[in-house]
Amino acid sequence: MKFLYLISLEGQGDETKTLVDQETWDWIHSPRPTFVNHSAREMETLPASVREALEEDEHFDGVFVTSGTCENDRAIAAPGVKLGGVRASFGSTMRLLAFVRANDIDIVDEYHGCIY
């Protein structure tokens, strides 16, 4: 059995369900960065596994977080775990549940946030 975490984001008529590993979960819930000169936006320092996954996208140029929505910004950027060559990110609950059953996954905890 694989123990993973669910990121559930909804907004503007869309939803996404993403399964992440412990390292990504811990990053989402890690302390907020120090915002220099009261900046509202800072470049985020990423855990190695998150950076490697995001760098698969040739257009990736970093993750920025804002002072008011730091955890949600991280959750939006969080890549799904890769199982069987597939990134575990879904646009529906039914697809998520089918993937969970097919891959013997136990969801340990969940985060609910917004798409904006």
Protein backbone atom coordinates (compact mmCIF):
# COMPACT_ATOMS: atom_id res chain seq x y z
CA MET A 1 0.00 0.00 0.00
CA LYS A 2 1.18 3.51 -0.85
CA PHE A 3 0.45 6.32 1.62
CA LEU A 4 -0.20 9.63 -0.15
CA TYR A 5 -1.85 12.99 0.48
CA LEU A 6 -4.69 14.61 -1.46
CA ILE A 7 -4.64 18.20 -2.65
CA SER A 8 -8.16 19.25 -3.65
CA LEU A 9 -8.48 22.61 -5.41
CA GLU A 10 -11.66 24.20 -6.72
CA GLY A 11 -12.61 27.52 -8.24
CA GLN A 12 -13.91 29.35 -11.27
CA GLY A 13 -15.85 26.25 -12.32
CA ASP A 14 -12.78 23.96 -12.26
CA GLU A 15 -11.49 21.35 -9.88
CA THR A 16 -8.29 19.38 -9.61
CA LYS A 17 -7.39 16.47 -7.35
CA THR A 18 -3.67 15.79 -6.95
CA LEU A 19 -1.94 13.04 -4.97
CA VAL A 20 1.39 14.05 -3.44
CA ASP A 21 4.09 12.38 -1.37
CA GLN A 22 5.18 13.20 2.19
CA GLU A 23 7.98 15.57 1.09
CA THR A 24 5.59 17.65 -1.02
CA TRP A 25 2.96 17.65 1.74
CA ASP A 26 5.53 18.85 4.27
CA TRP A 27 6.64 21.63 1.87
CA ILE A 28 3.05 22.88 1.44
CA HIS A 29 2.71 23.11 5.23
CA SER A 30 6.22 24.41 5.93
CA PRO A 31 6.79 27.85 7.47
CA ARG A 32 6.20 30.85 5.25
CA PRO A 33 9.27 32.46 3.71
CA THR A 34 10.54 35.78 4.99
CA PHE A 35 9.16 38.43 2.68
CA VAL A 36 11.96 40.91 1.95
CA ASN A 37 11.10 44.60 2.22
CA HIS A 38 7.47 43.69 2.86
CA SER A 39 7.25 42.23 -0.62
CA ALA A 40 3.97 40.55 -1.38
CA ARG A 41 5.66 37.94 -3.59
CA GLU A 42 8.76 35.80 -3.13
CA MET A 43 10.52 33.09 -5.13
CA GLU A 44 10.05 29.81 -3.26
CA THR A 45 12.86 27.41 -2.34
CA LEU A 46 11.69 23.97 -3.49
CA PRO A 47 12.44 20.48 -2.16
CA ALA A 48 14.52 18.49 -4.66
CA SER A 49 11.73 16.09 -5.68
CA VAL A 50 9.31 18.97 -6.32
CA ARG A 51 11.88 20.90 -8.38
CA GLU A 52 12.76 17.83 -10.46
CA ALA A 53 9.11 17.13 -11.24
CA LEU A 54 8.33 20.73 -12.14
CA GLU A 55 11.43 21.02 -14.32
CA GLU A 56 9.95 18.36 -16.62
CA ASP A 57 7.96 21.30 -18.01
CA GLU A 58 10.28 23.25 -20.32
CA HIS A 59 8.46 26.49 -19.42
CA PHE A 60 8.99 26.15 -15.64
CA ASP A 61 10.58 29.29 -14.20
CA GLY A 62 10.08 28.83 -10.46
CA VAL A 63 7.32 28.97 -7.90
CA PHE A 64 6.31 32.31 -6.45
CA VAL A 65 4.23 32.57 -3.30
CA THR A 66 2.40 35.55 -1.88
CA SER A 67 2.25 36.62 1.74
CA GLY A 68 -1.49 36.06 2.03
CA THR A 69 -1.86 32.72 0.24
CA CYS A 70 1.46 30.96 0.69
CA GLU A 71 0.11 27.45 1.38
CA ASN A 72 -2.46 27.64 -1.42
CA ASP A 73 0.20 28.89 -3.88
CA ARG A 74 2.34 25.88 -3.01
CA ALA A 75 -0.63 23.53 -3.37
CA ILE A 76 -1.39 24.92 -6.84
CA ALA A 77 2.23 24.32 -7.91
CA ALA A 78 2.55 20.87 -6.29
CA PRO A 79 3.20 18.12 -8.84
CA GLY A 80 1.37 14.84 -8.46
CA VAL A 81 3.41 11.76 -7.68
CA LYS A 82 4.38 9.72 -10.71
CA LEU A 83 3.07 6.14 -10.67
CA GLY A 84 3.30 3.92 -13.72
CA GLY A 85 4.51 6.86 -15.78
CA VAL A 86 1.42 8.92 -14.92
CA ARG A 87 1.38 12.11 -12.82
CA ALA A 88 -1.39 11.67 -10.26
CA SER A 89 -3.47 14.76 -11.00
CA PHE A 90 -7.11 14.50 -12.03
CA GLY A 91 -9.98 16.74 -13.07
CA SER A 92 -12.64 14.61 -11.41
CA THR A 93 -13.24 12.65 -8.24
CA MET A 94 -14.22 9.54 -10.22
CA ARG A 95 -10.85 9.45 -12.04
CA LEU A 96 -9.04 9.98 -8.76
CA LEU A 97 -10.91 7.12 -7.06
CA ALA A 98 -10.26 4.75 -9.97
CA PHE A 99 -6.54 5.56 -9.79
CA VAL A 100 -6.48 5.09 -5.99
CA ARG A 101 -8.14 1.67 -6.26
CA ALA A 102 -5.93 0.53 -9.16
CA ASN A 103 -2.72 1.53 -7.36
CA ASP A 104 -3.51 0.38 -3.79
CA ILE A 105 -3.27 3.89 -2.34
CA ASP A 106 -4.30 5.05 1.12
CA ILE A 107 -4.99 8.78 1.42
CA VAL A 108 -3.48 9.93 4.72
CA ASP A 109 -4.70 13.54 4.82
CA GLU A 110 -6.15 16.21 2.55
CA TYR A 111 -5.76 19.89 1.81
CA HIS A 112 -8.59 21.98 0.36
CA GLY A 113 -7.78 25.16 -1.49
CA CYS A 114 -8.76 27.44 -4.33
CA ILE A 115 -7.93 27.79 -8.01
CA TYR A 116 -7.50 31.44 -8.95
